[in-house]
PDB file of N, CA and C in Angstrom:
ATOM      1  N   MET A   1     116.977 -14.796-105.611  1.00  0.00           N
ATOM      2  CA  MET A   1     117.095 -13.312-106.035  1.00  0.00           C
ATOM      3  C   MET A   1     115.907 -12.135-106.162  1.00  0.00           C
ATOM      4  N   ILE A   2     115.762 -11.631-106.002  1.00  0.00           N
ATOM      5  CA  ILE A   2     114.269 -10.242-105.495  1.00  0.00           C
ATOM      6  C   ILE A   2     114.439  -9.420-107.471  1.00  0.00           C
ATOM      7  N   TRP A   3     113.023  -9.965-107.659  1.00  0.00           N
ATOM      8  CA  TRP A   3     112.453  -9.454-108.802  1.00  0.00           C
ATOM      9  C   TRP A   3     111.764  -7.954-108.636  1.00  0.00           C
ATOM     10  N   ILE A   4     112.676  -7.025-109.576  1.00  0.00           N
ATOM     11  CA  ILE A   4     112.014  -5.809-109.620  1.00  0.00           C
ATOM     12  C   ILE A   4     111.507  -5.449-111.000  1.00  0.00           C
ATOM     13  N   ASN A   5     110.257  -5.550-110.879  1.00  0.00           N
ATOM     14  CA  ASN A   5     109.300  -5.590-112.296  1.00  0.00           C
ATOM     15  C   ASN A   5     108.322  -4.712-112.768  1.00  0.00           C
ATOM     16  N   ASP A   6     108.584  -3.450-112.051  1.00  0.00           N
ATOM     17  CA  ASP A   6     108.404  -1.983-112.383  1.00  0.00           C
ATOM     18  C   ASP A   6     109.333  -0.641-112.196  1.00  0.00           C
ATOM     19  N   ARG A   7     109.209   0.329-112.722  1.00  0.00           N
ATOM     20  CA  ARG A   7     109.183   1.673-112.633  1.00  0.00           C
ATOM     21  C   ARG A   7     109.485   2.076-111.715  1.00  0.00           C
ATOM     22  N   PHE A   8     108.270   1.984-110.473  1.00  0.00           N
ATOM     23  CA  PHE A   8     107.842   2.351-108.819  1.00  0.00           C
ATOM     24  C   PHE A   8     108.744   1.525-108.311  1.00  0.00           C
ATOM     25  N   SER A   9     108.617   0.801-108.339  1.00  0.00           N
ATOM     26  CA  SER A   9     109.720  -0.564-107.228  1.00  0.00           C
ATOM     27  C   SER A   9     111.135   0.041-107.443  1.00  0.00           C
ATOM     28  N   PHE A  10     111.325  -0.133-109.033  1.00  0.00           N
ATOM     29  CA  PHE A  10     112.787   0.339-109.284  1.00  0.00           C
ATOM     30  C   PHE A  10     113.045   2.128-108.198  1.00  0.00           C
ATOM     31  N   ASP A  11     112.226   2.572-108.554  1.00  0.00           N
ATOM     32  CA  ASP A  11     112.545   3.851-108.304  1.00  0.00           C
ATOM     33  C   ASP A  11     112.357   3.717-106.561  1.00  0.00           C
ATOM     34  N   GLU A  12     112.176   3.358-105.785  1.00  0.00           N
ATOM     35  CA  GLU A  12     111.538   3.193-104.453  1.00  0.00           C
ATOM     36  C   GLU A  12     113.209   2.578-103.881  1.00  0.00           C
ATOM     37  N   VAL A  13     113.283   1.325-104.149  1.00  0.00           N
ATOM     38  CA  VAL A  13     114.788   1.109-103.558  1.00  0.00           C
ATOM     39  C   VAL A  13     115.875   1.901-104.570  1.00  0.00           C
ATOM     40  N   PHE A  14     115.746   2.678-105.276  1.00  0.00           N
ATOM     41  CA  PHE A  14     117.434   3.022-105.387  1.00  0.00           C
ATOM     42  C   PHE A  14     117.367   4.256-105.224  1.00  0.00           C
ATOM     43  N   ARG A  15     116.138   4.667-104.534  1.00  0.00           N
ATOM     44  CA  ARG A  15     115.819   5.771-103.346  1.00  0.00           C
ATOM     45  C   ARG A  15     116.499   5.289-102.267  1.00  0.00           C
ATOM     46  N   LEU A  16     116.509   4.086-101.728  1.00  0.00           N
ATOM     47  CA  LEU A  16     116.827   3.948-100.498  1.00  0.00           C
ATOM     48  C   LEU A  16     118.247   3.853-100.597  1.00  0.00           C
ATOM     49  N   LEU A  17     118.891   3.114-101.479  1.00  0.00           N
ATOM     50  CA  LEU A  17     120.394   3.139-101.700  1.00  0.00           C
ATOM     51  C   LEU A  17     121.128   4.361-101.931  1.00  0.00           C
ATOM     52  N   LEU A  18     120.403   5.041-102.298  1.00  0.00           N
ATOM     53  CA  LEU A  18     120.839   6.659-101.786  1.00  0.00           C
ATOM     54  C   LEU A  18     120.544   7.324-100.609  1.00  0.00           C
ATOM     55  N   LEU A  19     119.645   7.120-100.103  1.00  0.00           N
ATOM     56  CA  LEU A  19     119.465   7.774 -98.902  1.00  0.00           C
ATOM     57  C   LEU A  19     120.822   6.531 -97.650  1.00  0.00           C
ATOM     58  N   MET A  20     121.011   6.064 -97.948  1.00  0.00           N
ATOM     59  CA  MET A  20     122.142   4.851 -97.281  1.00  0.00           C
ATOM     60  C   MET A  20     123.537   5.015 -97.792  1.00  0.00           C
ATOM     61  N   GLY A  21     123.935   6.759 -98.919  1.00  0.00           N
ATOM     62  CA  GLY A  21     124.924   6.900 -98.651  1.00  0.00           C
ATOM     63  C   GLY A  21     125.568   6.490-100.629  1.00  0.00           C
ATOM     64  N   PHE A  22     124.582   5.520-101.380  1.00  0.00           N
ATOM     65  CA  PHE A  22     125.400   5.468-102.244  1.00  0.00           C
ATOM     66  C   PHE A  22     125.014   6.483-103.513  1.00  0.00           C
ATOM     67  N   SER A  23     125.960   6.459-104.496  1.00  0.00           N
ATOM     68  CA  SER A  23     126.131   7.444-105.178  1.00  0.00           C
ATOM     69  C   SER A  23     124.922   6.577-106.456  1.00  0.00           C
ATOM     70  N   HIS A  24     124.870   7.587-107.473  1.00  0.00           N
ATOM     71  CA  HIS A  24     123.528   7.142-108.449  1.00  0.00           C
ATOM     72  C   HIS A  24     124.335   5.914-109.267  1.00  0.00           C
ATOM     73  N   GLU A  25     125.811   6.040-109.471  1.00  0.00           N
ATOM     74  CA  GLU A  25     126.415   4.889-110.503  1.00  0.00           C
ATOM     75  C   GLU A  25     126.626   3.399-109.612  1.00  0.00           C
ATOM     76  N   SER A  26     127.274   3.928-107.897  1.00  0.00           N
ATOM     77  CA  SER A  26     126.278   2.295-107.632  1.00  0.00           C
ATOM     78  C   SER A  26     125.471   2.101-106.848  1.00  0.00           C
ATOM     79  N   ALA A  27     124.513   2.880-106.724  1.00  0.00           N
ATOM     80  CA  ALA A  27     123.206   2.645-106.666  1.00  0.00           C
ATOM     81  C   ALA A  27     122.495   1.570-107.693  1.00  0.00           C
ATOM     82  N   LYS A  28     123.058   2.210-109.194  1.00  0.00           N
ATOM     83  CA  LYS A  28     122.789   1.173-110.216  1.00  0.00           C
ATOM     84  C   LYS A  28     123.566  -0.144-110.593  1.00  0.00           C
ATOM     85  N   ASN A  29     124.683  -0.120-110.362  1.00  0.00           N
ATOM     86  CA  ASN A  29     125.459  -1.515-110.291  1.00  0.00           C
ATOM     87  C   ASN A  29     124.775  -2.456-109.047  1.00  0.00           C
ATOM     88  N   TYR A  30     124.542  -1.752-107.828  1.00  0.00           N
ATOM     89  CA  TYR A  30     124.029  -2.826-106.955  1.00  0.00           C
ATOM     90  C   TYR A  30     122.868  -3.722-107.699  1.00  0.00           C
ATOM     91  N   LEU A  31     122.308  -2.564-108.087  1.00  0.00           N
ATOM     92  CA  LEU A  31     120.167  -3.538-108.399  1.00  0.00           C
ATOM     93  C   LEU A  31     120.931  -4.157-109.667  1.00  0.00           C
ATOM     94  N   ILE A  32     121.549  -3.538-110.248  1.00  0.00           N
ATOM     95  CA  ILE A  32     122.103  -4.962-111.759  1.00  0.00           C
ATOM     96  C   ILE A  32     122.550  -5.963-111.032  1.00  0.00           C
ATOM     97  N   ASN A  33     123.287  -5.920-109.693  1.00  0.00           N
ATOM     98  CA  ASN A  33     124.502  -7.301-109.723  1.00  0.00           C
ATOM     99  C   ASN A  33     123.136  -8.329-108.498  1.00  0.00           C
ATOM    100  N   ASN A  34     122.266  -7.237-107.618  1.00  0.00           N
ATOM    101  CA  ASN A  34     121.772  -8.040-106.726  1.00  0.00           C
ATOM    102  C   ASN A  34     120.013  -8.421-107.085  1.00  0.00           C
ATOM    103  N   TYR A  35     119.737  -7.989-108.077  1.00  0.00           N
ATOM    104  CA  TYR A  35     118.362  -7.773-108.347  1.00  0.00           C
ATOM    105  C   TYR A  35     117.937  -8.398-109.845  1.00  0.00           C
ATOM    106  N   SER A  36     116.752  -8.914-109.687  1.00  0.00           N
ATOM    107  CA  SER A  36     116.715  -9.305-111.563  1.00  0.00           C
ATOM    108  C   SER A  36     115.328  -8.148-111.899  1.00  0.00           C
ATOM    109  N   LEU A  37     116.173  -7.205-112.898  1.00  0.00           N
ATOM    110  CA  LEU A  37     115.252  -6.450-113.133  1.00  0.00           C
ATOM    111  C   LEU A  37     114.129  -7.096-114.542  1.00  0.00           C
ATOM    112  N   SER A  38     113.122  -6.180-114.355  1.00  0.00           N
ATOM    113  CA  SER A  38     112.005  -6.630-116.064  1.00  0.00           C
ATOM    114  C   SER A  38     112.527  -5.724-117.131  1.00  0.00           C
ATOM    115  N   ALA A  39     112.080  -5.913-118.213  1.00  0.00           N
ATOM    116  CA  ALA A  39     112.848  -5.611-119.298  1.00  0.00           C
ATOM    117  C   ALA A  39     112.093  -3.837-118.804  1.00  0.00           C
ATOM    118  N   ILE A  40     111.504  -3.426-118.779  1.00  0.00           N
ATOM    119  CA  ILE A  40     110.624  -2.422-118.432  1.00  0.00           C
ATOM    120  C   ILE A  40     111.326  -1.375-117.371  1.00  0.00           C
ATOM    121  N   ALA A  41     111.703  -2.260-116.441  1.00  0.00           N
ATOM    122  CA  ALA A  41     112.466  -1.736-115.155  1.00  0.00           C
ATOM    123  C   ALA A  41     113.911  -1.239-115.596  1.00  0.00           C
ATOM    124  N   PHE A  42     114.298  -2.335-116.953  1.00  0.00           N
ATOM    125  CA  PHE A  42     116.192  -1.935-117.106  1.00  0.00           C
ATOM    126  C   PHE A  42     116.224  -1.450-118.318  1.00  0.00           C
ATOM    127  N   GLN A  43     114.890  -1.246-119.010  1.00  0.00           N
ATOM    128  CA  GLN A  43     114.959   0.214-120.250  1.00  0.00           C
ATOM    129  C   GLN A  43     114.422   1.419-119.785  1.00  0.00           C
ATOM    130  N   GLU A  44     113.602   1.596-119.017  1.00  0.00           N
ATOM    131  CA  GLU A  44     113.262   2.809-118.569  1.00  0.00           C
ATOM    132  C   GLU A  44     114.342   3.615-117.834  1.00  0.00           C
ATOM    133  N   ARG A  45     114.936   2.507-117.053  1.00  0.00           N
ATOM    134  CA  ARG A  45     115.895   3.374-115.809  1.00  0.00           C
ATOM    135  C   ARG A  45     117.592   3.243-116.340  1.00  0.00           C
ATOM    136  N   ILE A  46     117.607   2.039-116.462  1.00  0.00           N
ATOM    137  CA  ILE A  46     118.813   1.700-116.684  1.00  0.00           C
ATOM    138  C   ILE A  46     119.487   2.360-118.128  1.00  0.00           C
ATOM    139  N   GLU A  47     119.064   1.552-119.302  1.00  0.00           N
ATOM    140  CA  GLU A  47     119.277   1.459-120.494  1.00  0.00           C
ATOM    141  C   GLU A  47     119.085   3.412-120.705  1.00  0.00           C
ATOM    142  N   ASN A  48     118.102   3.954-120.459  1.00  0.00           N
ATOM    143  CA  ASN A  48     118.101   5.327-120.857  1.00  0.00           C
ATOM    144  C   ASN A  48     118.282   5.880-120.195  1.00  0.00           C
ATOM    145  N   LYS A  49     119.260   5.692-118.808  1.00  0.00           N
ATOM    146  CA  LYS A  49     120.060   7.025-117.594  1.00  0.00           C
ATOM    147  C   LYS A  49     119.058   7.681-117.270  1.00  0.00           C
ATOM    148  N   SER A  50     118.183   7.046-116.757  1.00  0.00           N
ATOM    149  CA  SER A  50     116.745   8.124-116.348  1.00  0.00           C
ATOM    150  C   SER A  50     116.758   8.111-115.030  1.00  0.00           C
ATOM    151  N   TYR A  51     117.705   7.113-114.067  1.00  0.00           N
ATOM    152  CA  TYR A  51     118.220   6.821-112.626  1.00  0.00           C
ATOM    153  C   TYR A  51     118.952   7.836-112.424  1.00  0.00           C
ATOM    154  N   MET A  52     119.705   8.594-113.454  1.00  0.00           N
ATOM    155  CA  MET A  52     120.245   9.805-112.740  1.00  0.00           C
ATOM    156  C   MET A  52     119.794  10.801-112.485  1.00  0.00           C
ATOM    157  N   ASN A  53     118.120  11.228-112.554  1.00  0.00           N
ATOM    158  CA  ASN A  53     117.130  11.512-112.502  1.00  0.00           C
ATOM    159  C   ASN A  53     116.559  11.917-111.132  1.00  0.00           C
ATOM    160  N   ILE A  54     116.745  10.778-110.482  1.00  0.00           N
ATOM    161  CA  ILE A  54     116.365  10.425-108.926  1.00  0.00           C
ATOM    162  C   ILE A  54     116.839  11.123-108.153  1.00  0.00           C
ATOM    163  N   SER A  55     115.812  11.321-107.353  1.00  0.00           N
ATOM    164  CA  SER A  55     116.076  11.726-106.214  1.00  0.00           C
ATOM    165  C   SER A  55     116.033  11.468-105.019  1.00  0.00           C
ATOM    166  N   SER A  56     116.596  11.544-103.507  1.00  0.00           N
ATOM    167  CA  SER A  56     116.411  11.042-102.734  1.00  0.00           C
ATOM    168  C   SER A  56     115.410  11.505-101.928  1.00  0.00           C
ATOM    169  N   ASN A  57     115.342  13.404-102.588  1.00  0.00           N
ATOM    170  CA  ASN A  57     114.386  13.654-101.569  1.00  0.00           C
ATOM    171  C   ASN A  57     112.706  13.829-101.816  1.00  0.00           C
ATOM    172  N   GLU A  58     112.422  13.372-103.022  1.00  0.00           N
ATOM    173  CA  GLU A  58     111.147  13.162-103.787  1.00  0.00           C
ATOM    174  C   GLU A  58     110.731  11.754-103.523  1.00  0.00           C
ATOM    175  N   TYR A  59     109.516  11.826-103.199  1.00  0.00           N
ATOM    176  CA  TYR A  59     108.626  10.539-102.511  1.00  0.00           C
ATOM    177  C   TYR A  59     108.132   9.743-104.349  1.00  0.00           C
ATOM    178  N   ILE A  60     107.989  10.478-105.252  1.00  0.00           N
ATOM    179  CA  ILE A  60     107.769   9.587-106.673  1.00  0.00           C
ATOM    180  C   ILE A  60     108.662  10.703-107.634  1.00  0.00           C
ATOM    181  N   SER A  61     108.391  10.111-108.906  1.00  0.00           N
ATOM    182  CA  SER A  61     109.812  10.852-109.522  1.00  0.00           C
ATOM    183  C   SER A  61     108.765  11.548-110.801  1.00  0.00           C
ATOM    184  N   THR A  62     109.292  12.568-111.867  1.00  0.00           N
ATOM    185  CA  THR A  62     108.544  13.371-112.251  1.00  0.00           C
ATOM    186  C   THR A  62     108.032  12.228-112.971  1.00  0.00           C
ATOM    187  N   ASP A  63     108.362  11.694-113.878  1.00  0.00           N
ATOM    188  CA  ASP A  63     107.639  10.966-114.993  1.00  0.00           C
ATOM    189  C   ASP A  63     107.164  10.280-114.495  1.00  0.00           C
ATOM    190  N   LEU A  64     106.734   9.707-113.473  1.00  0.00           N
ATOM    191  CA  LEU A  64     106.188   8.366-112.773  1.00  0.00           C
ATOM    192  C   LEU A  64     104.530   9.110-112.595  1.00  0.00           C
ATOM    193  N   MET A  65     104.958  10.557-111.782  1.00  0.00           N
ATOM    194  CA  MET A  65     103.617  11.141-110.936  1.00  0.00           C
ATOM    195  C   MET A  65     102.771  11.317-112.779  1.00  0.00           C
ATOM    196  N   LYS A  66     103.170  12.163-113.898  1.00  0.00           N
ATOM    197  CA  LYS A  66     102.937  12.450-114.940  1.00  0.00           C
ATOM    198  C   LYS A  66     102.148  10.812-115.226  1.00  0.00           C
ATOM    199  N   LEU A  67     102.573   9.729-115.030  1.00  0.00           N
ATOM    200  CA  LEU A  67     101.826   8.844-115.842  1.00  0.00           C
ATOM    201  C   LEU A  67     100.705   8.356-114.894  1.00  0.00           C
ATOM    202  N   LYS A  68     101.158   7.819-113.334  1.00  0.00           N
ATOM    203  CA  LYS A  68      99.964   8.188-112.325  1.00  0.00           C
ATOM    204  C   LYS A  68      99.006   9.411-112.698  1.00  0.00           C
ATOM    205  N   LYS A  69      99.574   9.906-113.259  1.00  0.00           N
ATOM    206  CA  LYS A  69      98.165  11.172-113.351  1.00  0.00           C
ATOM    207  C   LYS A  69      97.391  10.939-114.694  1.00  0.00           C
ATOM    208  N   GLU A  70      98.015  10.225-115.598  1.00  0.00           N
ATOM    209  CA  GLU A  70      97.442  10.412-116.699  1.00  0.00           C
ATOM    210  C   GLU A  70      96.187   8.822-116.612  1.00  0.00           C
ATOM    211  N   VAL A  71      96.715   7.613-116.115  1.00  0.00           N
ATOM    212  CA  VAL A  71      95.788   6.354-115.824  1.00  0.00           C
ATOM    213  C   VAL A  71      95.044   6.625-114.603  1.00  0.00           C
ATOM    214  N   PHE A  72      95.198   7.164-113.894  1.00  0.00           N
ATOM    215  CA  PHE A  72      94.003   8.080-112.953  1.00  0.00           C
ATOM    216  C   PHE A  72      92.853   9.099-113.857  1.00  0.00           C
ATOM    217  N   ASN A  73      93.301   9.689-114.747  1.00  0.00           N
ATOM    218  CA  ASN A  73      92.308  10.726-115.376  1.00  0.00           C
ATOM    219  C   ASN A  73      91.759   9.821-116.277  1.00  0.00           C
ATOM    220  N   GLU A  74      91.912   8.799-116.858  1.00  0.00           N
ATOM    221  CA  GLU A  74      92.168   7.690-118.194  1.00  0.00           C
ATOM    222  C   GLU A  74      90.465   6.891-117.114  1.00  0.00           C
ATOM    223  N   ILE A  75      90.826   6.646-116.059  1.00  0.00           N
ATOM    224  CA  ILE A  75      89.867   5.584-115.020  1.00  0.00           C
ATOM    225  C   ILE A  75      89.004   6.369-114.963  1.00  0.00           C
ATOM    226  N   PHE A  76      89.385   7.657-114.621  1.00  0.00           N
ATOM    227  CA  PHE A  76      88.093   8.621-113.911  1.00  0.00           C
ATOM    228  C   PHE A  76      87.339   9.758-114.991  1.00  0.00           C
ATOM    229  N   LEU A  77      87.386   9.627-116.294  1.00  0.00           N
ATOM    230  CA  LEU A  77      86.984   9.967-117.192  1.00  0.00           C
ATOM    231  C   LEU A  77      86.275   8.670-117.992  1.00  0.00           C
ATOM    232  N   ASN A  78      87.050   7.609-118.192  1.00  0.00           N
ATOM    233  CA  ASN A  78      85.754   6.535-118.639  1.00  0.00           C
ATOM    234  C   ASN A  78      84.604   6.070-117.676  1.00  0.00           C
ATOM    235  N   ASN A  79      84.756   6.481-116.587  1.00  0.00           N
ATOM    236  CA  ASN A  79      83.812   5.720-115.674  1.00  0.00           C
ATOM    237  C   ASN A  79      82.528   6.950-114.955  1.00  0.00           C
ATOM    238  N   ASN A  80      82.796   8.251-115.441  1.00  0.00           N
ATOM    239  CA  ASN A  80      81.622   8.759-115.629  1.00  0.00           C
ATOM    240  C   ASN A  80      81.373   9.808-116.926  1.00  0.00           C
TER     241      ASN A  80
END
């Protein structure tokens, strides 16, 4: 079984399923049945229903872009 241990990987696979014609609900069910999900991926995407906000048209989800910017700023500000 394939392991998805972070939200970025979850979103990437979820987007691919959407592009293949899956609905949000069927993509969620496919992931639950065919992948091992970490607690963070399950809680942040499945339990909180944020998978409903994932679009096949975007490269990265809005909440993950915000997280990425925060981490980048933290690293950049700590190094300067």
